């Protein structure tokens, strides 16, 4: 297990709440954008749909994927916000245990 897969230790989900194994061949040699956001911040609520639209239009066939890392404090807020996003997400419970936790900061970091 290397790179991004090691960072998340297998706790990445799809919108269907199914776990994704980042060690699968289809995820190797991808570049991942780690998108930190939350439902409660007005600038993020404006930016996220724009990012989602651009991602949906341009990512097909590309090496780029996004993983959403929520700053929401409860499962309902996370699910309500994430349900319209076209990318992967860090499991909310696992996110609290990881080094990715950030407060009050919308950002995107890249990792492969």
N, C-alpha and C. Protein backbone atom coordinates (compact mmCIF):
# COMPACT_ATOMS: atom_id res chain seq x y z
N UNK A 1 0.86 -1.17 0.00
CA UNK A 1 0.00 0.00 0.00
C UNK A 1 0.91 1.23 0.00
N UNK A 2 0.67 2.12 -0.93
CA UNK A 2 1.54 3.30 -1.04
C UNK A 2 0.73 4.54 -1.31
N UNK A 3 1.38 5.69 -1.13
CA UNK A 3 0.78 6.97 -1.48
C UNK A 3 -0.56 7.23 -0.83
N UNK A 4 -1.50 7.63 -1.65
CA UNK A 4 -2.82 8.03 -1.16
C UNK A 4 -3.54 6.86 -0.49
N UNK A 5 -3.37 5.65 -0.99
CA UNK A 5 -4.03 4.48 -0.40
C UNK A 5 -3.59 4.30 1.05
N UNK A 6 -2.31 4.47 1.30
CA UNK A 6 -1.78 4.34 2.66
C UNK A 6 -2.32 5.44 3.56
N UNK A 7 -2.44 6.63 3.02
CA UNK A 7 -2.93 7.76 3.82
C UNK A 7 -4.33 7.52 4.37
N UNK A 8 -5.17 6.83 3.61
CA UNK A 8 -6.56 6.62 4.03
C UNK A 8 -6.83 5.22 4.57
N UNK A 9 -5.88 4.32 4.45
CA UNK A 9 -6.01 2.98 5.01
C UNK A 9 -7.34 2.31 4.63
N UNK A 10 -7.81 2.54 3.41
CA UNK A 10 -9.00 1.87 2.92
C UNK A 10 -10.33 2.47 3.31
N UNK A 11 -10.34 3.62 3.94
CA UNK A 11 -11.59 4.22 4.40
C UNK A 11 -12.05 5.35 3.49
N UNK A 12 -12.21 5.03 2.23
CA UNK A 12 -12.74 5.97 1.25
C UNK A 12 -14.08 5.41 0.79
N UNK A 13 -15.04 6.28 0.58
CA UNK A 13 -16.37 5.82 0.18
C UNK A 13 -16.84 6.52 -1.10
N UNK A 14 -17.80 5.87 -1.77
CA UNK A 14 -18.52 6.47 -2.90
C UNK A 14 -19.81 7.05 -2.35
N UNK A 15 -20.55 7.77 -3.17
CA UNK A 15 -21.85 8.31 -2.73
C UNK A 15 -22.79 7.21 -2.28
N UNK A 16 -22.63 6.02 -2.82
CA UNK A 16 -23.49 4.89 -2.44
C UNK A 16 -23.13 4.34 -1.06
N UNK A 17 -22.14 4.95 -0.40
CA UNK A 17 -21.62 4.53 0.90
C UNK A 17 -20.84 3.22 0.83
N UNK A 18 -20.50 2.78 -0.36
CA UNK A 18 -19.67 1.59 -0.52
C UNK A 18 -18.22 1.99 -0.43
N UNK A 19 -17.44 1.16 0.26
CA UNK A 19 -16.03 1.44 0.42
C UNK A 19 -15.28 1.21 -0.89
N UNK A 20 -14.30 2.06 -1.13
CA UNK A 20 -13.46 1.98 -2.32
C UNK A 20 -12.06 1.57 -1.90
N UNK A 21 -11.48 0.63 -2.62
CA UNK A 21 -10.11 0.20 -2.36
C UNK A 21 -9.18 0.96 -3.31
N UNK A 22 -8.44 1.89 -2.77
CA UNK A 22 -7.55 2.71 -3.60
C UNK A 22 -6.34 1.94 -4.10
N UNK A 23 -6.20 0.68 -3.68
CA UNK A 23 -5.14 -0.17 -4.21
C UNK A 23 -5.53 -0.84 -5.52
N UNK A 24 -6.80 -0.71 -5.93
CA UNK A 24 -7.24 -1.29 -7.20
C UNK A 24 -6.47 -0.64 -8.35
N UNK A 25 -6.28 -1.42 -9.39
CA UNK A 25 -5.51 -0.97 -10.55
C UNK A 25 -6.04 0.35 -11.12
N UNK A 26 -7.37 0.52 -11.15
CA UNK A 26 -7.93 1.73 -11.77
C UNK A 26 -7.59 3.02 -11.02
N UNK A 27 -7.12 2.92 -9.77
CA UNK A 27 -6.74 4.11 -9.02
C UNK A 27 -5.24 4.36 -9.00
N UNK A 28 -4.48 3.40 -9.49
CA UNK A 28 -3.03 3.58 -9.51
C UNK A 28 -2.66 4.63 -10.56
N UNK A 29 -1.62 5.37 -10.28
CA UNK A 29 -1.12 6.43 -11.16
C UNK A 29 -2.12 7.57 -11.36
N UNK A 30 -3.01 7.74 -10.41
CA UNK A 30 -3.95 8.87 -10.44
C UNK A 30 -3.39 9.99 -9.57
N UNK A 31 -3.80 11.19 -9.87
CA UNK A 31 -3.50 12.34 -9.02
C UNK A 31 -4.78 12.66 -8.28
N UNK A 32 -4.69 12.80 -6.96
CA UNK A 32 -5.86 13.04 -6.13
C UNK A 32 -5.82 14.46 -5.57
N UNK A 33 -6.93 15.15 -5.70
CA UNK A 33 -7.12 16.43 -5.02
C UNK A 33 -7.89 16.16 -3.74
N UNK A 34 -7.35 16.56 -2.62
CA UNK A 34 -8.04 16.41 -1.34
C UNK A 34 -8.79 17.71 -1.07
N UNK A 35 -10.11 17.64 -1.16
CA UNK A 35 -10.95 18.83 -1.06
C UNK A 35 -11.55 18.93 0.33
N UNK A 36 -11.11 19.91 1.10
CA UNK A 36 -11.57 20.14 2.47
C UNK A 36 -12.71 21.16 2.43
N UNK A 37 -13.87 20.77 2.92
CA UNK A 37 -15.02 21.67 2.88
C UNK A 37 -16.05 21.23 3.92
N UNK A 38 -17.13 22.01 4.04
CA UNK A 38 -18.23 21.66 4.95
C UNK A 38 -19.49 22.41 4.53
N UNK A 39 -20.62 21.91 4.97
CA UNK A 39 -21.91 22.48 4.56
C UNK A 39 -22.19 23.84 5.18
N UNK A 40 -21.62 24.14 6.32
CA UNK A 40 -22.01 25.32 7.09
C UNK A 40 -21.31 26.61 6.66
N UNK A 41 -20.39 26.56 5.73
CA UNK A 41 -19.64 27.75 5.33
C UNK A 41 -20.19 28.31 4.00
N UNK A 42 -20.74 29.53 4.01
CA UNK A 42 -21.32 30.10 2.78
C UNK A 42 -20.38 30.12 1.57
N UNK A 43 -19.11 30.54 1.70
CA UNK A 43 -18.25 30.52 0.51
C UNK A 43 -18.06 29.11 -0.06
N UNK A 44 -18.02 28.13 0.81
CA UNK A 44 -17.86 26.74 0.35
C UNK A 44 -19.12 26.27 -0.37
N UNK A 45 -20.27 26.70 0.12
CA UNK A 45 -21.53 26.29 -0.51
C UNK A 45 -21.67 26.91 -1.90
N UNK A 46 -21.01 28.03 -2.13
CA UNK A 46 -21.01 28.64 -3.46
C UNK A 46 -19.98 27.94 -4.36
N UNK A 47 -18.80 27.68 -3.83
CA UNK A 47 -17.71 27.11 -4.63
C UNK A 47 -17.93 25.64 -4.98
N UNK A 48 -18.46 24.85 -4.06
CA UNK A 48 -18.58 23.41 -4.28
C UNK A 48 -19.38 23.04 -5.53
N UNK A 49 -20.55 23.66 -5.79
CA UNK A 49 -21.27 23.32 -7.03
C UNK A 49 -20.47 23.68 -8.29
N UNK A 50 -19.70 24.75 -8.24
CA UNK A 50 -18.87 25.13 -9.39
C UNK A 50 -17.77 24.09 -9.62
N UNK A 51 -17.14 23.66 -8.54
CA UNK A 51 -16.11 22.62 -8.64
C UNK A 51 -16.72 21.32 -9.15
N UNK A 52 -17.88 20.98 -8.63
CA UNK A 52 -18.58 19.76 -9.04
C UNK A 52 -18.90 19.78 -10.53
N UNK A 53 -19.40 20.89 -11.01
CA UNK A 53 -19.74 21.03 -12.43
C UNK A 53 -18.49 20.90 -13.31
N UNK A 54 -17.42 21.57 -12.92
CA UNK A 54 -16.18 21.50 -13.69
C UNK A 54 -15.59 20.09 -13.66
N UNK A 55 -15.61 19.48 -12.50
CA UNK A 55 -15.09 18.12 -12.36
C UNK A 55 -15.86 17.15 -13.24
N UNK A 56 -17.17 17.23 -13.20
CA UNK A 56 -18.02 16.33 -13.99
C UNK A 56 -17.74 16.51 -15.48
N UNK A 57 -17.55 17.74 -15.90
CA UNK A 57 -17.33 18.02 -17.31
C UNK A 57 -15.94 17.61 -17.80
N UNK A 58 -14.91 17.79 -16.96
CA UNK A 58 -13.55 17.64 -17.45
C UNK A 58 -12.78 16.42 -16.95
N UNK A 59 -13.23 15.73 -15.94
CA UNK A 59 -12.40 14.66 -15.39
C UNK A 59 -12.47 13.33 -16.14
N UNK A 60 -13.47 13.12 -16.94
CA UNK A 60 -13.62 11.83 -17.64
C UNK A 60 -12.36 11.51 -18.47
N UNK A 61 -11.84 10.32 -18.25
CA UNK A 61 -10.66 9.88 -18.98
C UNK A 61 -9.37 10.51 -18.51
N UNK A 62 -9.41 11.30 -17.48
CA UNK A 62 -8.22 11.96 -16.97
C UNK A 62 -7.65 11.19 -15.78
N UNK A 63 -6.46 11.54 -15.39
CA UNK A 63 -5.81 10.89 -14.25
C UNK A 63 -6.18 11.54 -12.92
N UNK A 64 -7.09 12.48 -12.92
CA UNK A 64 -7.39 13.29 -11.73
C UNK A 64 -8.67 12.82 -11.04
N UNK A 65 -8.60 12.66 -9.73
CA UNK A 65 -9.75 12.31 -8.90
C UNK A 65 -9.77 13.26 -7.70
N UNK A 66 -10.95 13.47 -7.14
CA UNK A 66 -11.10 14.29 -5.93
C UNK A 66 -11.60 13.41 -4.80
N UNK A 67 -11.06 13.65 -3.60
CA UNK A 67 -11.56 13.02 -2.37
C UNK A 67 -12.02 14.15 -1.46
N UNK A 68 -13.29 14.14 -1.10
CA UNK A 68 -13.89 15.14 -0.22
C UNK A 68 -13.58 14.77 1.23
N UNK A 69 -13.05 15.74 1.97
CA UNK A 69 -12.79 15.56 3.39
C UNK A 69 -13.60 16.62 4.12
N UNK A 70 -14.61 16.16 4.81
CA UNK A 70 -15.58 17.06 5.43
C UNK A 70 -15.12 17.58 6.78
N UNK A 71 -15.48 18.82 7.06
CA UNK A 71 -15.29 19.40 8.40
C UNK A 71 -16.60 19.38 9.18
N UNK A 72 -17.63 18.75 8.61
CA UNK A 72 -18.91 18.66 9.31
C UNK A 72 -18.77 17.81 10.56
N UNK A 73 -19.55 18.14 11.57
CA UNK A 73 -19.43 17.43 12.84
C UNK A 73 -20.43 16.30 13.02
N UNK A 74 -21.39 16.18 12.10
CA UNK A 74 -22.37 15.10 12.25
C UNK A 74 -22.65 14.44 10.90
N UNK A 75 -23.09 13.20 10.97
CA UNK A 75 -23.33 12.38 9.79
C UNK A 75 -24.40 12.96 8.86
N UNK A 76 -25.46 13.50 9.42
CA UNK A 76 -26.56 14.05 8.60
C UNK A 76 -26.06 15.23 7.75
N UNK A 77 -25.33 16.15 8.36
CA UNK A 77 -24.80 17.30 7.61
C UNK A 77 -23.85 16.83 6.51
N UNK A 78 -23.00 15.87 6.86
CA UNK A 78 -22.07 15.31 5.87
C UNK A 78 -22.84 14.70 4.70
N UNK A 79 -23.81 13.85 5.00
CA UNK A 79 -24.58 13.16 3.95
C UNK A 79 -25.37 14.13 3.08
N UNK A 80 -26.00 15.13 3.70
CA UNK A 80 -26.78 16.12 2.94
C UNK A 80 -25.89 16.91 1.98
N UNK A 81 -24.69 17.24 2.42
CA UNK A 81 -23.77 18.01 1.59
C UNK A 81 -23.12 17.14 0.51
N UNK A 82 -22.74 15.93 0.89
CA UNK A 82 -22.01 15.04 -0.02
C UNK A 82 -22.88 14.42 -1.11
N UNK A 83 -24.17 14.31 -0.88
CA UNK A 83 -25.04 13.56 -1.81
C UNK A 83 -25.04 14.11 -3.23
N UNK A 84 -24.68 15.36 -3.44
CA UNK A 84 -24.66 15.95 -4.77
C UNK A 84 -23.26 16.08 -5.37
N UNK A 85 -22.28 15.52 -4.70
CA UNK A 85 -20.90 15.61 -5.19
C UNK A 85 -20.56 14.38 -6.03
N UNK A 86 -19.83 14.56 -7.13
CA UNK A 86 -19.54 13.44 -8.03
C UNK A 86 -18.26 12.67 -7.72
N UNK A 87 -17.66 12.90 -6.59
CA UNK A 87 -16.36 12.30 -6.29
C UNK A 87 -16.40 11.41 -5.06
N UNK A 88 -15.23 10.92 -4.68
CA UNK A 88 -15.08 10.06 -3.51
C UNK A 88 -15.05 10.91 -2.25
N UNK A 89 -15.15 10.26 -1.09
CA UNK A 89 -15.09 11.00 0.18
C UNK A 89 -14.40 10.16 1.24
N UNK A 90 -13.80 10.86 2.18
CA UNK A 90 -13.26 10.21 3.36
C UNK A 90 -14.41 9.93 4.31
N UNK A 91 -14.44 8.74 4.87
CA UNK A 91 -15.46 8.38 5.85
C UNK A 91 -15.40 9.38 7.00
N UNK A 92 -16.54 9.95 7.38
CA UNK A 92 -16.58 11.00 8.40
C UNK A 92 -15.98 10.55 9.72
N UNK A 93 -16.28 9.34 10.15
CA UNK A 93 -15.75 8.84 11.43
C UNK A 93 -14.24 8.67 11.36
N UNK A 94 -13.75 8.15 10.26
CA UNK A 94 -12.31 7.95 10.11
C UNK A 94 -11.57 9.27 9.96
N UNK A 95 -12.21 10.26 9.36
CA UNK A 95 -11.57 11.56 9.16
C UNK A 95 -11.12 12.17 10.47
N UNK A 96 -11.89 11.95 11.51
CA UNK A 96 -11.53 12.53 12.81
C UNK A 96 -10.26 11.92 13.38
N UNK A 97 -9.93 10.71 12.96
CA UNK A 97 -8.74 10.03 13.47
C UNK A 97 -7.49 10.38 12.69
N UNK A 98 -7.65 10.95 11.54
CA UNK A 98 -6.53 11.14 10.62
C UNK A 98 -5.91 12.52 10.72
N UNK A 99 -4.77 12.64 10.09
CA UNK A 99 -4.03 13.89 10.06
C UNK A 99 -4.68 14.94 9.16
N UNK A 100 -5.74 14.54 8.43
CA UNK A 100 -6.37 15.45 7.47
C UNK A 100 -7.31 16.45 8.11
N UNK A 101 -7.59 16.31 9.38
CA UNK A 101 -8.58 17.18 10.02
C UNK A 101 -8.12 18.63 9.97
N UNK A 102 -8.99 19.50 9.47
CA UNK A 102 -8.73 20.94 9.42
C UNK A 102 -9.99 21.67 9.84
N UNK A 103 -9.85 22.80 10.46
CA UNK A 103 -11.00 23.58 10.89
C UNK A 103 -11.03 24.90 10.14
N UNK A 104 -12.24 25.27 9.73
CA UNK A 104 -12.48 26.60 9.14
C UNK A 104 -11.54 26.94 7.98
N UNK A 105 -11.26 25.98 7.16
CA UNK A 105 -10.32 26.23 6.08
C UNK A 105 -10.73 25.45 4.84
N UNK A 106 -11.19 26.17 3.82
CA UNK A 106 -11.49 25.50 2.56
C UNK A 106 -10.18 25.42 1.79
N UNK A 107 -9.82 24.23 1.37
CA UNK A 107 -8.58 24.09 0.64
C UNK A 107 -8.60 22.83 -0.21
N UNK A 108 -7.65 22.75 -1.12
CA UNK A 108 -7.45 21.53 -1.89
C UNK A 108 -5.96 21.27 -1.92
N UNK A 109 -5.60 20.02 -1.61
CA UNK A 109 -4.20 19.59 -1.65
C UNK A 109 -4.11 18.45 -2.64
N UNK A 110 -2.95 18.28 -3.26
CA UNK A 110 -2.78 17.24 -4.27
C UNK A 110 -1.80 16.20 -3.78
N UNK A 111 -2.10 14.94 -4.11
CA UNK A 111 -1.27 13.82 -3.69
C UNK A 111 -1.44 12.69 -4.70
N UNK A 112 -0.41 11.89 -4.88
CA UNK A 112 -0.58 10.71 -5.74
C UNK A 112 -0.19 9.46 -5.00
